[in-house]
């Protein structure tokens, strides 16, 4: 077993032997050797900085943390303090589910929807939200916000005695039931 890294693991051109270089790799190796190469950047290596490309690797070995997925508090803080955004959303949803279980349906479901909307706002406003960051910032904001808004609107339109009445929806419902 040799100590030389394989070319697809991000080896520098100096580490690649002639037997490892194919015809398509020649232009990339030449571009990396040239300090004026377009798109070449330096990356830390065992022997100091080495030149590499901005191209994604052929084989990924890990997933990147979503932007804003860092800790919400310092590493010396206890785990609950580091994940306070997620815990605040989950505890509010839990309180909403508890209210719903005790027959305060409308208030409980509105509280669940507002917790998701608050999660969308925290994802937008805070630089680090811990495990509340699941995908990209935009996707998380749209997902949390849309689901929260849908839950709030549906809770406000629930029967009996809805707090929000949308006339065209009741007309559509009556037309589908009578036909």
Protein backbone atom coordinates (compact mmCIF):
# COMPACT_ATOMS: atom_id res chain seq x y z
CA UNK A 1 0.00 0.00 0.00
CA UNK A 2 1.58 3.27 -1.10
CA UNK A 3 1.52 6.49 0.87
CA UNK A 4 0.75 8.53 -2.24
CA UNK A 5 -2.79 9.98 -2.35
CA UNK A 6 -4.99 9.07 -5.27
CA UNK A 7 -5.65 11.85 -7.80
CA UNK A 8 -9.40 11.99 -7.08
CA UNK A 9 -8.77 12.70 -3.38
CA UNK A 10 -7.52 16.20 -4.10
CA UNK A 11 -3.85 15.41 -4.58
CA UNK A 12 -1.65 18.22 -5.79
CA UNK A 13 -0.07 17.90 -9.26
CA UNK A 14 3.29 17.11 -7.65
CA UNK A 15 1.78 14.01 -5.96
CA UNK A 16 0.31 12.61 -9.18
CA UNK A 17 2.54 10.18 -11.03
CA UNK A 18 2.60 9.94 -14.82
CA UNK A 19 0.83 6.58 -14.70
CA UNK A 20 -2.08 8.18 -12.81
CA UNK A 21 -2.55 11.02 -15.30
CA UNK A 22 -4.99 10.39 -18.12
CA UNK A 23 -5.41 12.53 -21.21
CA UNK A 24 -8.27 14.54 -19.69
CA UNK A 25 -6.29 15.15 -16.51
CA UNK A 26 -3.34 16.66 -18.36
CA UNK A 27 -5.01 20.02 -18.90
CA UNK A 28 -6.17 20.18 -15.29
CA UNK A 29 -2.72 19.25 -13.98
CA UNK A 30 -1.13 21.86 -16.24
CA UNK A 31 -3.63 24.48 -15.06
CA UNK A 32 -2.86 23.67 -11.44
CA UNK A 33 0.88 23.96 -11.96
CA UNK A 34 0.48 27.36 -13.57
CA UNK A 35 0.22 30.03 -10.86
CA UNK A 36 -1.79 32.21 -13.25
CA UNK A 37 -4.37 29.43 -13.71
CA UNK A 38 -7.91 30.71 -13.92
CA UNK A 39 -10.04 29.57 -10.97
CA UNK A 40 -7.09 28.12 -9.00
CA UNK A 41 -7.20 28.68 -5.26
CA UNK A 42 -4.92 27.60 -2.46
CA UNK A 43 -5.95 25.05 0.10
CA UNK A 44 -4.12 23.88 3.21
CA UNK A 45 -2.04 20.78 2.74
CA UNK A 46 0.36 18.75 4.89
CA UNK A 47 3.38 20.56 3.41
CA UNK A 48 1.87 24.02 3.28
CA UNK A 49 -0.62 25.55 0.86
CA UNK A 50 -1.33 23.73 -2.38
CA UNK A 51 -3.22 24.79 -5.49
CA UNK A 52 -6.58 23.23 -6.20
CA UNK A 53 -9.62 23.99 -8.31
CA UNK A 54 -13.05 25.20 -7.34
CA UNK A 55 -14.57 22.18 -9.04
CA UNK A 56 -16.57 19.80 -6.86
CA UNK A 57 -14.85 16.47 -6.19
CA UNK A 58 -16.00 13.44 -8.14
CA UNK A 59 -16.67 11.52 -4.94
CA UNK A 60 -18.01 13.36 -1.91
CA UNK A 61 -17.12 11.93 1.47
CA UNK A 62 -19.13 14.21 3.75
CA UNK A 63 -22.02 16.65 3.70
CA UNK A 64 -21.63 20.33 4.31
CA UNK A 65 -23.38 21.92 7.26
CA UNK A 66 -26.19 24.27 6.13
CA UNK A 67 -25.41 27.96 6.31
CA UNK A 68 -26.29 29.17 9.78
CA UNK A 69 -26.09 25.62 11.10
CA UNK A 70 -23.43 26.52 13.66
CA UNK A 71 -24.08 26.69 17.37
CA UNK A 72 -26.42 29.38 18.62
CA UNK A 73 -24.21 29.79 21.70
CA UNK A 74 -20.53 29.16 22.41
CA UNK A 75 -19.06 25.67 22.65
CA UNK A 76 -18.51 26.07 26.39
CA UNK A 77 -22.27 26.51 26.97
CA UNK A 78 -24.37 23.46 27.88
CA UNK A 79 -26.17 21.66 25.04
CA UNK A 80 -29.64 23.19 25.67
CA UNK A 81 -28.20 26.69 25.50
CA UNK A 82 -26.44 25.89 22.22
CA UNK A 83 -29.71 24.72 20.65
CA UNK A 84 -32.10 27.33 22.10
CA UNK A 85 -33.76 28.22 18.74
CA UNK A 86 -34.80 24.63 18.08
CA UNK A 87 -35.84 24.09 21.70
CA UNK A 88 -37.98 27.24 21.70
CA UNK A 89 -39.82 26.14 18.53
CA UNK A 90 -40.28 22.58 19.82
CA UNK A 91 -41.49 23.67 23.26
CA UNK A 92 -44.02 26.07 21.70
CA UNK A 93 -45.26 23.30 19.39
CA UNK A 94 -45.49 20.98 22.42
CA UNK A 95 -47.54 23.57 24.32
CA UNK A 96 -49.82 23.93 21.28
CA UNK A 97 -50.30 20.15 21.11
CA UNK A 98 -51.05 20.07 24.84
CA UNK A 99 -53.69 22.81 24.43
CA UNK A 100 -55.18 20.92 21.49
CA UNK A 101 -55.36 17.74 23.60
CA UNK A 102 -57.22 19.67 26.32
CA UNK A 103 -59.89 20.73 23.78
CA UNK A 104 -58.61 24.24 23.11
CA UNK A 105 -58.23 23.28 19.46
CA UNK A 106 -58.11 26.66 17.75
CA UNK A 107 -55.65 28.31 20.14
CA UNK A 108 -53.42 25.23 20.20
CA UNK A 109 -53.15 24.92 16.43
CA UNK A 110 -52.61 28.67 16.00
CA UNK A 111 -49.79 28.38 18.54
CA UNK A 112 -48.24 25.54 16.49
CA UNK A 113 -48.41 27.64 13.32
CA UNK A 114 -46.95 30.68 15.07
CA UNK A 115 -44.07 28.54 16.38
CA UNK A 116 -43.21 27.57 12.78
CA UNK A 117 -43.44 31.19 11.65
CA UNK A 118 -41.13 32.15 14.54
CA UNK A 119 -38.73 29.43 13.35
CA UNK A 120 -38.75 30.97 9.87
CA UNK A 121 -38.04 34.40 11.36
CA UNK A 122 -35.19 33.05 13.51
CA UNK A 123 -33.73 31.28 10.48
CA UNK A 124 -33.74 34.63 8.65
CA UNK A 125 -32.57 36.88 11.47
CA UNK A 126 -30.00 34.87 13.42
CA UNK A 127 -26.54 33.98 12.07
CA UNK A 128 -26.44 30.62 13.88
CA UNK A 129 -29.52 28.60 14.80
CA UNK A 130 -28.02 25.18 15.51
CA UNK A 131 -30.11 22.21 14.48
CA UNK A 132 -32.99 24.43 13.35
CA UNK A 133 -30.93 24.79 10.15
CA UNK A 134 -31.77 21.76 8.02
CA UNK A 135 -31.37 22.95 4.45
CA UNK A 136 -30.33 26.24 2.88
CA UNK A 137 -31.50 29.39 4.64
CA UNK A 138 -34.00 30.21 1.87
CA UNK A 139 -35.50 26.70 1.79
CA UNK A 140 -35.87 26.57 5.57
CA UNK A 141 -37.50 30.01 5.68
CA UNK A 142 -39.99 29.18 2.91
CA UNK A 143 -40.80 25.76 4.37
CA UNK A 144 -41.27 26.91 7.97
CA UNK A 145 -43.13 30.06 6.92
CA UNK A 146 -45.49 28.40 4.42
CA UNK A 147 -46.39 25.53 6.75
CA UNK A 148 -46.86 27.89 9.69
CA UNK A 149 -49.08 30.23 7.65
CA UNK A 150 -51.16 27.32 6.33
CA UNK A 151 -51.69 25.94 9.84
CA UNK A 152 -52.70 29.37 11.22
CA UNK A 153 -55.12 30.02 8.34
CA UNK A 154 -56.69 26.56 8.60
CA UNK A 155 -57.09 26.94 12.36
CA UNK A 156 -58.80 30.30 11.89
CA UNK A 157 -61.20 28.82 9.29
CA UNK A 158 -62.07 25.70 11.34
CA UNK A 159 -65.70 25.06 12.19
CA UNK A 160 -67.73 25.82 14.31
CA UNK A 161 -67.75 29.60 14.37
CA UNK A 162 -64.70 30.30 12.19
CA UNK A 163 -62.67 33.41 12.97
CA UNK A 164 -61.88 33.83 9.28
CA UNK A 165 -64.38 33.33 6.48
CA UNK A 166 -63.31 33.30 2.85
CA UNK A 167 -66.46 33.54 0.69
CA UNK A 168 -65.19 31.83 -2.46
CA UNK A 169 -64.11 28.78 -0.47
CA UNK A 170 -67.57 28.15 0.94
CA UNK A 171 -69.08 28.65 -2.52
CA UNK A 172 -66.64 26.12 -3.95
CA UNK A 173 -67.41 23.65 -1.19
CA UNK A 174 -71.18 23.96 -1.73
CA UNK A 175 -70.79 23.46 -5.49
CA UNK A 176 -68.70 20.32 -5.07
CA UNK A 177 -71.05 18.74 -2.53
CA UNK A 178 -74.30 19.49 -4.44
CA UNK A 179 -73.07 18.28 -7.84
